[in-house]
Amino acid sequence: MNLTINAVNFEIAKQLEDFIDKKMNRFGRHLNADDKVEIRMSVVKPQTNLNKEVKVRIAGLFAEKTADTFEEALDACLNALESQLERRKNA
């Protein structure tokens, strides 16, 4: 898989990079080696809770989630994409 991570208006910490790598390695079983994966992370409305937004595009599918942490938002995106991939596989 070809992974691209974009952080908007913040630096990605090593811990977050490691978390993304771990999750994508687990998720990789659903993908082909040449599939393109784009992850875009941003902070929206910094004065509120649930201000971490993650957008993920994989193999023509898309998920966008907002949560308290980037980890929670990424997990929610990958769960949604896993469901989409299962539906596509069974169609």
PDB file of N, CA and C in Angstrom:
ATOM      1  N   MET A   1       0.846  -1.176   0.000  1.00  0.00           N
ATOM      2  CA  MET A   1       0.000   0.000   0.000  1.00  0.00           C
ATOM      3  C   MET A   1       0.888   1.235   0.000  1.00  0.00           C
ATOM      4  N   ASN A   2       0.415   2.269  -0.642  1.00  0.00           N
ATOM      5  CA  ASN A   2       1.128   3.533  -0.758  1.00  0.00           C
ATOM      6  C   ASN A   2       0.465   4.522   0.193  1.00  0.00           C
ATOM      7  N   LEU A   3       1.104   4.816   1.333  1.00  0.00           N
ATOM      8  CA  LEU A   3       0.510   5.628   2.395  1.00  0.00           C
ATOM      9  C   LEU A   3       1.019   7.061   2.361  1.00  0.00           C
ATOM     10  N   THR A   4       0.074   8.021   2.369  1.00  0.00           N
ATOM     11  CA  THR A   4       0.394   9.442   2.447  1.00  0.00           C
ATOM     12  C   THR A   4      -0.352  10.027   3.638  1.00  0.00           C
ATOM     13  N   ILE A   5       0.386  10.728   4.524  1.00  0.00           N
ATOM     14  CA  ILE A   5      -0.235  11.348   5.692  1.00  0.00           C
ATOM     15  C   ILE A   5      -0.017  12.851   5.603  1.00  0.00           C
ATOM     16  N   ASN A   6      -1.110  13.617   5.691  1.00  0.00           N
ATOM     17  CA  ASN A   6      -1.041  15.075   5.691  1.00  0.00           C
ATOM     18  C   ASN A   6      -1.551  15.594   7.026  1.00  0.00           C
ATOM     19  N   ALA A   7      -0.741  16.418   7.679  1.00  0.00           N
ATOM     20  CA  ALA A   7      -1.139  17.063   8.924  1.00  0.00           C
ATOM     21  C   ALA A   7      -1.337  18.539   8.626  1.00  0.00           C
ATOM     22  N   VAL A   8      -2.516  19.056   8.921  1.00  0.00           N
ATOM     23  CA  VAL A   8      -2.832  20.449   8.644  1.00  0.00           C
ATOM     24  C   VAL A   8      -2.687  21.258   9.929  1.00  0.00           C
ATOM     25  N   ASN A   9      -1.763  22.209   9.925  1.00  0.00           N
ATOM     26  CA  ASN A   9      -1.545  23.152  11.026  1.00  0.00           C
ATOM     27  C   ASN A   9      -1.040  22.512  12.314  1.00  0.00           C
ATOM     28  N   PHE A  10      -0.359  21.373  12.235  1.00  0.00           N
ATOM     29  CA  PHE A  10       0.291  20.803  13.410  1.00  0.00           C
ATOM     30  C   PHE A  10       1.342  19.801  12.955  1.00  0.00           C
ATOM     31  N   GLU A  11       2.266  19.485  13.862  1.00  0.00           N
ATOM     32  CA  GLU A  11       3.310  18.494  13.611  1.00  0.00           C
ATOM     33  C   GLU A  11       2.843  17.146  14.142  1.00  0.00           C
ATOM     34  N   ILE A  12       3.019  16.101  13.367  1.00  0.00           N
ATOM     35  CA  ILE A  12       2.651  14.765  13.825  1.00  0.00           C
ATOM     36  C   ILE A  12       3.725  14.252  14.775  1.00  0.00           C
ATOM     37  N   ALA A  13       3.309  13.864  15.977  1.00  0.00           N
ATOM     38  CA  ALA A  13       4.234  13.316  16.967  1.00  0.00           C
ATOM     39  C   ALA A  13       4.626  11.896  16.576  1.00  0.00           C
ATOM     40  N   LYS A  14       5.783  11.460  17.009  1.00  0.00           N
ATOM     41  CA  LYS A  14       6.274  10.117  16.712  1.00  0.00           C
ATOM     42  C   LYS A  14       5.279   9.063  17.205  1.00  0.00           C
ATOM     43  N   GLN A  15       4.691   9.285  18.370  1.00  0.00           N
ATOM     44  CA  GLN A  15       3.716   8.351  18.936  1.00  0.00           C
ATOM     45  C   GLN A  15       2.505   8.194  18.013  1.00  0.00           C
ATOM     46  N   LEU A  16       2.037   9.296  17.439  1.00  0.00           N
ATOM     47  CA  LEU A  16       0.897   9.244  16.519  1.00  0.00           C
ATOM     48  C   LEU A  16       1.292   8.542  15.220  1.00  0.00           C
ATOM     49  N   GLU A  17       2.486   8.803  14.728  1.00  0.00           N
ATOM     50  CA  GLU A  17       2.977   8.106  13.528  1.00  0.00           C
ATOM     51  C   GLU A  17       3.023   6.603  13.753  1.00  0.00           C
ATOM     52  N   ASP A  18       3.529   6.189  14.923  1.00  0.00           N
ATOM     53  CA  ASP A  18       3.600   4.767  15.256  1.00  0.00           C
ATOM     54  C   ASP A  18       2.207   4.151  15.315  1.00  0.00           C
ATOM     55  N   PHE A  19       1.252   4.889  15.888  1.00  0.00           N
ATOM     56  CA  PHE A  19      -0.125   4.411  15.978  1.00  0.00           C
ATOM     57  C   PHE A  19      -0.717   4.217  14.583  1.00  0.00           C
ATOM     58  N   ILE A  20      -0.493   5.192  13.702  1.00  0.00           N
ATOM     59  CA  ILE A  20      -0.999   5.103  12.327  1.00  0.00           C
ATOM     60  C   ILE A  20      -0.390   3.894  11.621  1.00  0.00           C
ATOM     61  N   ASP A  21       0.926   3.721  11.741  1.00  0.00           N
ATOM     62  CA  ASP A  21       1.596   2.573  11.113  1.00  0.00           C
ATOM     63  C   ASP A  21       1.021   1.250  11.610  1.00  0.00           C
ATOM     64  N   LYS A  22       0.817   1.152  12.916  1.00  0.00           N
ATOM     65  CA  LYS A  22       0.269  -0.077  13.501  1.00  0.00           C
ATOM     66  C   LYS A  22      -1.127  -0.368  12.952  1.00  0.00           C
ATOM     67  N   LYS A  23      -1.976   0.648  12.924  1.00  0.00           N
ATOM     68  CA  LYS A  23      -3.345   0.466  12.439  1.00  0.00           C
ATOM     69  C   LYS A  23      -3.370   0.126  10.944  1.00  0.00           C
ATOM     70  N   MET A  24      -2.538   0.798  10.177  1.00  0.00           N
ATOM     71  CA  MET A  24      -2.539   0.548   8.736  1.00  0.00           C
ATOM     72  C   MET A  24      -1.962  -0.828   8.412  1.00  0.00           C
ATOM     73  N   ASN A  25      -1.010  -1.304   9.183  1.00  0.00           N
ATOM     74  CA  ASN A  25      -0.493  -2.659   8.974  1.00  0.00           C
ATOM     75  C   ASN A  25      -1.589  -3.686   9.220  1.00  0.00           C
ATOM     76  N   ARG A  26      -2.405  -3.469  10.244  1.00  0.00           N
ATOM     77  CA  ARG A  26      -3.523  -4.364  10.534  1.00  0.00           C
ATOM     78  C   ARG A  26      -4.563  -4.283   9.422  1.00  0.00           C
ATOM     79  N   PHE A  27      -4.812  -3.075   8.946  1.00  0.00           N
ATOM     80  CA  PHE A  27      -5.824  -2.850   7.919  1.00  0.00           C
ATOM     81  C   PHE A  27      -5.342  -3.303   6.545  1.00  0.00           C
ATOM     82  N   GLY A  28      -4.042  -3.412   6.384  1.00  0.00           N
ATOM     83  CA  GLY A  28      -3.450  -3.749   5.099  1.00  0.00           C
ATOM     84  C   GLY A  28      -3.903  -5.066   4.511  1.00  0.00           C
ATOM     85  N   ARG A  29      -4.395  -5.971   5.342  1.00  0.00           N
ATOM     86  CA  ARG A  29      -4.849  -7.272   4.822  1.00  0.00           C
ATOM     87  C   ARG A  29      -6.033  -7.134   3.875  1.00  0.00           C
ATOM     88  N   HIS A  30      -6.731  -5.989   3.965  1.00  0.00           N
ATOM     89  CA  HIS A  30      -7.881  -5.739   3.103  1.00  0.00           C
ATOM     90  C   HIS A  30      -7.483  -5.093   1.768  1.00  0.00           C
ATOM     91  N   LEU A  31      -6.207  -4.727   1.638  1.00  0.00           N
ATOM     92  CA  LEU A  31      -5.774  -3.926   0.488  1.00  0.00           C
ATOM     93  C   LEU A  31      -4.789  -4.662  -0.397  1.00  0.00           C
ATOM     94  N   ASN A  32      -4.694  -4.182  -1.621  1.00  0.00           N
ATOM     95  CA  ASN A  32      -3.669  -4.662  -2.542  1.00  0.00           C
ATOM     96  C   ASN A  32      -2.397  -3.856  -2.319  1.00  0.00           C
ATOM     97  N   ALA A  33      -1.290  -4.381  -2.773  1.00  0.00           N
ATOM     98  CA  ALA A  33       0.001  -3.714  -2.578  1.00  0.00           C
ATOM     99  C   ALA A  33       0.061  -2.358  -3.272  1.00  0.00           C
ATOM    100  N   ASP A  34      -0.684  -2.186  -4.370  1.00  0.00           N
ATOM    101  CA  ASP A  34      -0.628  -0.931  -5.121  1.00  0.00           C
ATOM    102  C   ASP A  34      -1.752   0.043  -4.762  1.00  0.00           C
ATOM    103  N   ASP A  35      -2.578  -0.273  -3.766  1.00  0.00           N
ATOM    104  CA  ASP A  35      -3.645   0.648  -3.351  1.00  0.00           C
ATOM    105  C   ASP A  35      -3.063   1.898  -2.707  1.00  0.00           C
ATOM    106  N   LYS A  36      -3.675   3.025  -3.012  1.00  0.00           N
ATOM    107  CA  LYS A  36      -3.245   4.318  -2.495  1.00  0.00           C
ATOM    108  C   LYS A  36      -4.075   4.662  -1.259  1.00  0.00           C
ATOM    109  N   VAL A  37      -3.407   5.023  -0.174  1.00  0.00           N
ATOM    110  CA  VAL A  37      -4.076   5.398   1.071  1.00  0.00           C
ATOM    111  C   VAL A  37      -3.682   6.827   1.412  1.00  0.00           C
ATOM    112  N   GLU A  38      -4.681   7.687   1.584  1.00  0.00           N
ATOM    113  CA  GLU A  38      -4.434   9.080   1.957  1.00  0.00           C
ATOM    114  C   GLU A  38      -5.108   9.354   3.296  1.00  0.00           C
ATOM    115  N   ILE A  39      -4.332   9.870   4.247  1.00  0.00           N
ATOM    116  CA  ILE A  39      -4.871  10.249   5.554  1.00  0.00           C
ATOM    117  C   ILE A  39      -4.615  11.739   5.740  1.00  0.00           C
ATOM    118  N   ARG A  40      -5.682  12.487   6.022  1.00  0.00           N
ATOM    119  CA  ARG A  40      -5.573  13.926   6.267  1.00  0.00           C
ATOM    120  C   ARG A  40      -6.076  14.207   7.675  1.00  0.00           C
ATOM    121  N   MET A  41      -5.219  14.816   8.493  1.00  0.00           N
ATOM    122  CA  MET A  41      -5.560  15.087   9.885  1.00  0.00           C
ATOM    123  C   MET A  41      -5.521  16.591  10.120  1.00  0.00           C
ATOM    124  N   SER A  42      -6.528  17.088  10.846  1.00  0.00           N
ATOM    125  CA  SER A  42      -6.553  18.512  11.140  1.00  0.00           C
ATOM    126  C   SER A  42      -7.275  18.760  12.462  1.00  0.00           C
ATOM    127  N   VAL A  43      -6.996  19.932  13.029  1.00  0.00           N
ATOM    128  CA  VAL A  43      -7.677  20.377  14.241  1.00  0.00           C
ATOM    129  C   VAL A  43      -8.693  21.421  13.813  1.00  0.00           C
ATOM    130  N   VAL A  44      -9.962  21.205  14.180  1.00  0.00           N
ATOM    131  CA  VAL A  44     -11.021  22.149  13.839  1.00  0.00           C
ATOM    132  C   VAL A  44     -11.571  22.758  15.121  1.00  0.00           C
ATOM    133  N   LYS A  45     -11.882  24.027  15.064  1.00  0.00           N
ATOM    134  CA  LYS A  45     -12.434  24.726  16.229  1.00  0.00           C
ATOM    135  C   LYS A  45     -11.681  24.354  17.508  1.00  0.00           C
ATOM    136  N   PRO A  46     -10.454  24.800  17.665  1.00  0.00           N
ATOM    137  CA  PRO A  46      -9.627  24.372  18.800  1.00  0.00           C
ATOM    138  C   PRO A  46     -10.241  24.623  20.181  1.00  0.00           C
ATOM    139  N   GLN A  47     -11.221  25.485  20.290  1.00  0.00           N
ATOM    140  CA  GLN A  47     -11.787  25.796  21.593  1.00  0.00           C
ATOM    141  C   GLN A  47     -12.837  24.786  22.060  1.00  0.00           C
ATOM    142  N   THR A  48     -13.132  23.768  21.291  1.00  0.00           N
ATOM    143  CA  THR A  48     -14.172  22.809  21.661  1.00  0.00           C
ATOM    144  C   THR A  48     -13.612  21.396  21.804  1.00  0.00           C
ATOM    145  N   ASN A  49     -14.389  20.531  22.440  1.00  0.00           N
ATOM    146  CA  ASN A  49     -14.073  19.098  22.444  1.00  0.00           C
ATOM    147  C   ASN A  49     -14.405  18.561  21.067  1.00  0.00           C
ATOM    148  N   LEU A  50     -14.043  17.329  20.819  1.00  0.00           N
ATOM    149  CA  LEU A  50     -14.294  16.697  19.523  1.00  0.00           C
ATOM    150  C   LEU A  50     -13.780  17.562  18.375  1.00  0.00           C
ATOM    151  N   ASN A  51     -12.525  17.993  18.495  1.00  0.00           N
ATOM    152  CA  ASN A  51     -11.980  18.909  17.497  1.00  0.00           C
ATOM    153  C   ASN A  51     -10.881  18.306  16.637  1.00  0.00           C
ATOM    154  N   LYS A  52     -10.706  16.983  16.677  1.00  0.00           N
ATOM    155  CA  LYS A  52      -9.702  16.326  15.844  1.00  0.00           C
ATOM    156  C   LYS A  52     -10.422  15.635  14.684  1.00  0.00           C
ATOM    157  N   GLU A  53     -10.110  16.066  13.473  1.00  0.00           N
ATOM    158  CA  GLU A  53     -10.775  15.540  12.289  1.00  0.00           C
ATOM    159  C   GLU A  53      -9.795  14.703  11.477  1.00  0.00           C
ATOM    160  N   VAL A  54     -10.250  13.533  11.064  1.00  0.00           N
ATOM    161  CA  VAL A  54      -9.440  12.648  10.237  1.00  0.00           C
ATOM    162  C   VAL A  54     -10.261  12.265   9.010  1.00  0.00           C
ATOM    163  N   LYS A  55      -9.643  12.381   7.840  1.00  0.00           N
ATOM    164  CA  LYS A  55     -10.257  11.969   6.574  1.00  0.00           C
ATOM    165  C   LYS A  55      -9.348  10.919   5.959  1.00  0.00           C
ATOM    166  N   VAL A  56      -9.942   9.791   5.559  1.00  0.00           N
ATOM    167  CA  VAL A  56      -9.158   8.704   4.985  1.00  0.00           C
ATOM    168  C   VAL A  56      -9.771   8.292   3.647  1.00  0.00           C
ATOM    169  N   ARG A  57      -8.921   8.202   2.625  1.00  0.00           N
ATOM    170  CA  ARG A  57      -9.320   7.699   1.306  1.00  0.00           C
ATOM    171  C   ARG A  57      -8.507   6.438   1.033  1.00  0.00           C
ATOM    172  N   ILE A  58      -9.242   5.364   0.725  1.00  0.00           N
ATOM    173  CA  ILE A  58      -8.585   4.092   0.412  1.00  0.00           C
ATOM    174  C   ILE A  58      -9.324   3.446  -0.748  1.00  0.00           C
ATOM    175  N   ALA A  59      -8.604   3.131  -1.779  1.00  0.00           N
ATOM    176  CA  ALA A  59      -9.140   2.348  -2.900  1.00  0.00           C
ATOM    177  C   ALA A  59     -10.501   2.854  -3.374  1.00  0.00           C
ATOM    178  N   GLY A  60     -10.633   4.157  -3.508  1.00  0.00           N
ATOM    179  CA  GLY A  60     -11.884   4.736  -3.996  1.00  0.00           C
ATOM    180  C   GLY A  60     -12.955   4.905  -2.936  1.00  0.00           C
ATOM    181  N   LEU A  61     -12.671   4.562  -1.697  1.00  0.00           N
ATOM    182  CA  LEU A  61     -13.624   4.722  -0.601  1.00  0.00           C
ATOM    183  C   LEU A  61     -13.175   5.884   0.277  1.00  0.00           C
ATOM    184  N   PHE A  62     -14.123   6.439   1.054  1.00  0.00           N
ATOM    185  CA  PHE A  62     -13.820   7.620   1.856  1.00  0.00           C
ATOM    186  C   PHE A  62     -14.540   7.549   3.194  1.00  0.00           C
ATOM    187  N   ALA A  63     -13.848   7.991   4.254  1.00  0.00           N
ATOM    188  CA  ALA A  63     -14.474   8.135   5.566  1.00  0.00           C
ATOM    189  C   ALA A  63     -13.925   9.397   6.217  1.00  0.00           C
ATOM    190  N   GLU A  64     -14.795  10.087   6.932  1.00  0.00           N
ATOM    191  CA  GLU A  64     -14.416  11.308   7.646  1.00  0.00           C
ATOM    192  C   GLU A  64     -15.045  11.251   9.027  1.00  0.00           C
ATOM    193  N   LYS A  65     -14.212  11.402  10.067  1.00  0.00           N
ATOM    194  CA  LYS A  65     -14.707  11.337  11.439  1.00  0.00           C
ATOM    195  C   LYS A  65     -14.050  12.421  12.276  1.00  0.00           C
ATOM    196  N   THR A  66     -14.775  12.880  13.288  1.00  0.00           N
ATOM    197  CA  THR A  66     -14.276  13.865  14.235  1.00  0.00           C
ATOM    198  C   THR A  66     -14.399  13.272  15.626  1.00  0.00           C
ATOM    199  N   ALA A  67     -13.351  13.437  16.450  1.00  0.00           N
ATOM    200  CA  ALA A  67     -13.346  12.863  17.791  1.00  0.00           C
ATOM    201  C   ALA A  67     -12.482  13.714  18.723  1.00  0.00           C
ATOM    202  N   ASP A  68     -12.384  13.274  19.968  1.00  0.00           N
ATOM    203  CA  ASP A  68     -11.560  13.957  20.966  1.00  0.00           C
ATOM    204  C   ASP A  68     -10.070  13.827  20.668  1.00  0.00           C
ATOM    205  N   THR A  69      -9.672  12.685  20.101  1.00  0.00           N
ATOM    206  CA  THR A  69      -8.263  12.449  19.782  1.00  0.00           C
ATOM    207  C   THR A  69      -8.141  11.953  18.341  1.00  0.00           C
ATOM    208  N   PHE A  70      -6.957  12.121  17.784  1.00  0.00           N
ATOM    209  CA  PHE A  70      -6.710  11.622  16.431  1.00  0.00           C
ATOM    210  C   PHE A  70      -6.821  10.100  16.387  1.00  0.00           C
ATOM    211  N   GLU A  71      -6.391   9.442  17.464  1.00  0.00           N
ATOM    212  CA  GLU A  71      -6.456   7.984  17.513  1.00  0.00           C
ATOM    213  C   GLU A  71      -7.904   7.496  17.425  1.00  0.00           C
ATOM    214  N   GLU A  72      -8.798   8.124  18.200  1.00  0.00           N
ATOM    215  CA  GLU A  72     -10.220   7.751  18.164  1.00  0.00           C
ATOM    216  C   GLU A  72     -10.817   8.000  16.777  1.00  0.00           C
ATOM    217  N   ALA A  73     -10.484   9.128  16.188  1.00  0.00           N
ATOM    218  CA  ALA A  73     -11.019   9.467  14.866  1.00  0.00           C
ATOM    219  C   ALA A  73     -10.507   8.496  13.799  1.00  0.00           C
ATOM    220  N   LEU A  74      -9.225   8.130  13.867  1.00  0.00           N
ATOM    221  CA  LEU A  74      -8.666   7.180  12.904  1.00  0.00           C
ATOM    222  C   LEU A  74      -9.314   5.803  13.063  1.00  0.00           C
ATOM    223  N   ASP A  75      -9.494   5.366  14.306  1.00  0.00           N
ATOM    224  CA  ASP A  75     -10.170   4.086  14.544  1.00  0.00           C
ATOM    225  C   ASP A  75     -11.567   4.087  13.945  1.00  0.00           C
ATOM    226  N   ALA A  76     -12.307   5.168  14.161  1.00  0.00           N
ATOM    227  CA  ALA A  76     -13.671   5.267  13.632  1.00  0.00           C
ATOM    228  C   ALA A  76     -13.662   5.243  12.106  1.00  0.00           C
ATOM    229  N   CYS A  77     -12.719   5.938  11.491  1.00  0.00           N
ATOM    230  CA  CYS A  77     -12.602   5.937  10.023  1.00  0.00           C
ATOM    231  C   CYS A  77     -12.308   4.539   9.501  1.00  0.00           C
ATOM    232  N   LEU A  78     -11.364   3.851  10.127  1.00  0.00           N
ATOM    233  CA  LEU A  78     -10.992   2.527   9.651  1.00  0.00           C
ATOM    234  C   LEU A  78     -12.130   1.528   9.851  1.00  0.00           C
ATOM    235  N   ASN A  79     -12.901   1.668  10.930  1.00  0.00           N
ATOM    236  CA  ASN A  79     -14.072   0.806  11.121  1.00  0.00           C
ATOM    237  C   ASN A  79     -15.096   1.041  10.018  1.00  0.00           C
ATOM    238  N   ALA A  80     -15.332   2.307   9.686  1.00  0.00           N
ATOM    239  CA  ALA A  80     -16.281   2.637   8.613  1.00  0.00           C
ATOM    240  C   ALA A  80     -15.789   2.101   7.271  1.00  0.00           C
ATOM    241  N   LEU A  81     -14.501   2.253   7.005  1.00  0.00           N
ATOM    242  CA  LEU A  81     -13.943   1.774   5.741  1.00  0.00           C
ATOM    243  C   LEU A  81     -13.946   0.246   5.662  1.00  0.00           C
ATOM    244  N   GLU A  82     -13.743  -0.399   6.788  1.00  0.00           N
ATOM    245  CA  GLU A  82     -13.787  -1.858   6.812  1.00  0.00           C
ATOM    246  C   GLU A  82     -15.188  -2.345   6.414  1.00  0.00           C
ATOM    247  N   SER A  83     -16.197  -1.666   6.930  1.00  0.00           N
ATOM    248  CA  SER A  83     -17.582  -2.005   6.560  1.00  0.00           C
ATOM    249  C   SER A  83     -17.817  -1.772   5.075  1.00  0.00           C
ATOM    250  N   GLN A  84     -17.323  -0.659   4.556  1.00  0.00           N
ATOM    251  CA  GLN A  84     -17.488  -0.355   3.140  1.00  0.00           C
ATOM    252  C   GLN A  84     -16.787  -1.404   2.269  1.00  0.00           C
ATOM    253  N   LEU A  85     -15.587  -1.805   2.673  1.00  0.00           N
ATOM    254  CA  LEU A  85     -14.855  -2.818   1.913  1.00  0.00           C
ATOM    255  C   LEU A  85     -15.580  -4.159   1.932  1.00  0.00           C
ATOM    256  N   GLU A  86     -16.157  -4.529   3.066  1.00  0.00           N
ATOM    257  CA  GLU A  86     -16.920  -5.775   3.157  1.00  0.00           C
ATOM    258  C   GLU A  86     -18.144  -5.732   2.233  1.00  0.00           C
ATOM    259  N   ARG A  87     -18.846  -4.590   2.229  1.00  0.00           N
ATOM    260  CA  ARG A  87     -20.009  -4.443   1.357  1.00  0.00           C
ATOM    261  C   ARG A  87     -19.606  -4.532  -0.105  1.00  0.00           C
ATOM    262  N   ARG A  88     -18.498  -3.901  -0.450  1.00  0.00           N
ATOM    263  CA  ARG A  88     -18.015  -3.945  -1.838  1.00  0.00           C
ATOM    264  C   ARG A  88     -17.624  -5.374  -2.220  1.00  0.00           C
ATOM    265  N   LYS A  89     -16.988  -6.072  -1.294  1.00  0.00           N
ATOM    266  CA  LYS A  89     -16.551  -7.444  -1.544  1.00  0.00           C
ATOM    267  C   LYS A  89     -17.758  -8.370  -1.756  1.00  0.00           C
ATOM    268  N   ASN A  90     -18.813  -8.161  -0.994  1.00  0.00           N
ATOM    269  CA  ASN A  90     -20.005  -9.017  -1.083  1.00  0.00           C
ATOM    270  C   ASN A  90     -20.963  -8.615  -2.195  1.00  0.00           C
ATOM    271  N   ALA A  91     -20.711  -7.493  -2.832  1.00  0.00           N
ATOM    272  CA  ALA A  91     -21.621  -7.018  -3.889  1.00  0.00           C
ATOM    273  C   ALA A  91     -21.359  -7.698  -5.206  1.00  0.00           C
TER     274      ALA A  91
END
